[in-house]
Amino acid sequence: MKSYLKTMIAGAAMMMAVVIPAAASDGVVTVKSDYSVTETVARIKKDVLKKGIKFFGVIDQARLGKNAGNDVKPSRLVMFGNPALGTTFITSNPEAGLDWPVRVLVYQTADGAVYAAYSDFDWIAKRHGITDRGAQFKMATEVIQSVTSTIR
């Protein structure tokens, strides 16, 4: 009986370990980078410009944190977008402007690993109740997947 109970508790713990992180990351796509934060940002910027996408800039969150007296691990918010594509979401629902331009957060974890995270476009469509821009959301997904493929 004790063995059965231990097996059930271990199984429940494993299920929680799998389910809880998935729920916590709802709507966020995270890609592990093979490069430093600086190189990851440079690769994203280079690919965005090569594709002819408007590059809006980078916010160095770690530097801002340091200037405010906080110890923030390397973290940069990269912003870019294609106005012809991105503004079509806003024409469907003005609140979609909260998610455009595209933002990719490039950050380093305590163990030194670097990741790029961005909002899933299907999630953005659901968040704003946009049902009439399927082709545009599909295209945006393909673009962000292509851009982040340069860091792996």
Protein backbone atom coordinates (compact mmCIF):
# COMPACT_ATOMS: atom_id res chain seq x y z
CA MET A 1 0.00 0.00 0.00
CA LYS A 2 2.82 2.42 0.86
CA SER A 3 4.48 1.74 -2.48
CA TYR A 4 1.22 2.46 -4.32
CA LEU A 5 0.73 5.72 -2.39
CA LYS A 6 4.32 6.82 -3.12
CA THR A 7 3.79 6.07 -6.81
CA MET A 8 0.56 8.10 -6.86
CA ILE A 9 2.18 11.07 -5.09
CA ALA A 10 5.19 10.97 -7.42
CA GLY A 11 2.89 10.79 -10.44
CA ALA A 12 0.83 13.75 -9.22
CA ALA A 13 3.99 15.78 -8.60
CA MET A 14 5.23 15.03 -12.12
CA MET A 15 1.90 16.06 -13.62
CA MET A 16 1.95 19.35 -11.70
CA ALA A 17 5.51 20.01 -12.86
CA VAL A 18 4.35 19.61 -16.45
CA VAL A 19 0.98 21.39 -16.25
CA ILE A 20 1.83 24.43 -14.10
CA PRO A 21 4.65 25.83 -16.28
CA ALA A 22 2.52 25.36 -19.41
CA ALA A 23 -0.33 27.35 -17.88
CA ALA A 24 2.04 30.06 -16.66
CA SER A 25 3.43 30.58 -20.16
CA ASP A 26 0.06 30.82 -21.90
CA GLY A 27 0.44 32.98 -24.98
CA VAL A 28 4.23 33.22 -24.79
CA VAL A 29 6.53 31.43 -27.22
CA THR A 30 10.08 30.96 -25.92
CA VAL A 31 13.03 30.03 -28.12
CA LYS A 32 16.41 29.07 -26.66
CA SER A 33 19.24 30.99 -28.29
CA ASP A 34 22.66 29.56 -29.09
CA TYR A 35 24.19 33.01 -28.62
CA SER A 36 24.74 35.75 -26.04
CA VAL A 37 22.07 38.39 -25.48
CA THR A 38 24.07 40.91 -27.54
CA GLU A 39 24.59 38.49 -30.44
CA THR A 40 20.97 37.30 -30.31
CA VAL A 41 19.71 40.88 -30.58
CA ALA A 42 22.16 41.58 -33.42
CA ARG A 43 21.01 38.49 -35.34
CA ILE A 44 17.34 39.38 -34.91
CA LYS A 45 17.96 42.97 -36.03
CA LYS A 46 20.00 41.85 -39.06
CA ASP A 47 17.28 39.41 -40.19
CA VAL A 48 14.49 41.94 -39.65
CA LEU A 49 16.29 44.55 -41.76
CA LYS A 50 17.17 41.97 -44.42
CA LYS A 51 13.47 41.16 -44.71
CA GLY A 52 12.64 44.86 -45.19
CA ILE A 53 10.73 45.03 -41.90
CA LYS A 54 10.76 48.33 -39.99
CA PHE A 55 13.10 48.14 -36.99
CA PHE A 56 11.85 50.38 -34.18
CA GLY A 57 14.63 49.83 -31.66
CA VAL A 58 15.88 48.07 -28.57
CA ILE A 59 15.28 48.87 -24.92
CA ASP A 60 18.08 47.67 -22.65
CA GLN A 61 16.08 46.73 -19.57
CA ALA A 62 19.16 45.64 -17.60
CA ARG A 63 20.75 49.07 -18.05
CA LEU A 64 17.54 50.81 -17.04
CA GLY A 65 17.33 48.57 -14.00
CA LYS A 66 20.94 49.24 -13.04
CA ASN A 67 20.34 52.99 -13.35
CA ALA A 68 17.38 52.57 -10.98
CA GLY A 69 19.44 50.58 -8.47
CA ASN A 70 18.13 47.13 -9.45
CA ASP A 71 20.28 44.17 -10.43
CA VAL A 72 18.64 42.92 -13.63
CA LYS A 73 20.17 40.10 -15.65
CA PRO A 74 20.83 40.95 -19.32
CA SER A 75 17.43 41.71 -20.87
CA ARG A 76 16.59 43.62 -24.03
CA LEU A 77 13.24 44.31 -25.64
CA VAL A 78 13.49 44.30 -29.44
CA MET A 79 10.70 46.04 -31.39
CA PHE A 80 9.91 45.73 -35.08
CA GLY A 81 7.01 45.37 -37.46
CA ASN A 82 5.58 45.73 -40.91
CA PRO A 83 3.04 48.59 -40.75
CA ALA A 84 1.09 47.22 -43.72
CA LEU A 85 0.60 43.92 -41.87
CA GLY A 86 0.53 44.98 -38.23
CA THR A 87 -1.94 47.81 -38.61
CA THR A 88 -4.48 45.44 -40.22
CA PHE A 89 -4.92 43.96 -36.73
CA ILE A 90 -5.62 47.44 -35.37
CA THR A 91 -8.25 48.06 -38.06
CA SER A 92 -10.04 44.97 -36.79
CA ASN A 93 -9.75 45.94 -33.11
CA PRO A 94 -7.96 49.13 -31.97
CA GLU A 95 -6.84 47.41 -28.75
CA ALA A 96 -4.63 45.14 -30.87
CA GLY A 97 -2.27 48.12 -30.83
CA LEU A 98 -1.22 46.84 -27.42
CA ASP A 99 0.50 43.97 -29.23
CA TRP A 100 1.97 45.84 -32.19
CA PRO A 101 4.70 46.48 -33.08
CA VAL A 102 6.09 43.01 -32.49
CA ARG A 103 8.20 42.76 -29.36
CA VAL A 104 10.76 40.06 -28.70
CA LEU A 105 12.25 39.89 -25.23
CA VAL A 106 15.83 38.59 -25.28
CA TYR A 107 17.00 37.67 -21.80
CA GLN A 108 19.56 35.67 -19.85
CA THR A 109 18.61 33.37 -16.99
CA ALA A 110 20.56 32.81 -13.78
CA ASP A 111 22.27 29.75 -15.29
CA GLY A 112 23.53 31.83 -18.25
CA ALA A 113 21.09 30.47 -20.85
CA VAL A 114 19.69 33.00 -23.33
CA TYR A 115 16.12 32.99 -24.62
CA ALA A 116 13.94 35.02 -26.96
CA ALA A 117 10.26 35.25 -26.01
CA TYR A 118 7.34 36.73 -27.90
CA SER A 119 3.55 36.71 -27.84
CA ASP A 120 1.93 33.92 -29.84
CA PHE A 121 -0.11 35.39 -32.70
CA ASP A 122 -2.99 32.93 -32.25
CA TRP A 123 -3.15 34.06 -28.62
CA ILE A 124 -3.11 37.72 -29.72
CA ALA A 125 -6.03 37.05 -32.10
CA LYS A 126 -8.02 35.41 -29.29
CA ARG A 127 -7.07 38.12 -26.78
CA HIS A 128 -8.55 40.79 -29.05
CA GLY A 129 -11.38 38.72 -30.49
CA ILE A 130 -10.05 39.13 -34.03
CA THR A 131 -11.54 36.52 -36.32
CA ASP A 132 -11.31 38.26 -39.69
CA ARG A 133 -7.52 38.36 -40.12
CA GLY A 134 -6.54 34.67 -40.24
CA ALA A 135 -4.22 35.00 -43.24
CA GLN A 136 -2.46 38.01 -41.70
CA PHE A 137 -1.95 36.25 -38.35
CA LYS A 138 -0.60 33.21 -40.21
CA MET A 139 1.85 35.42 -42.10
CA ALA A 140 2.96 37.16 -38.88
CA THR A 141 3.55 33.77 -37.25
CA GLU A 142 5.66 32.63 -40.19
CA VAL A 143 7.72 35.83 -40.06
CA ILE A 144 8.46 35.64 -36.32
CA GLN A 145 9.35 31.96 -36.64
CA SER A 146 11.74 32.80 -39.47
CA VAL A 147 13.29 35.68 -37.52
CA THR A 148 13.85 33.58 -34.40
CA SER A 149 15.25 30.68 -36.43
CA THR A 150 18.39 32.82 -36.86
CA ILE A 151 19.28 32.38 -33.18
CA ARG A 152 19.30 28.57 -33.12
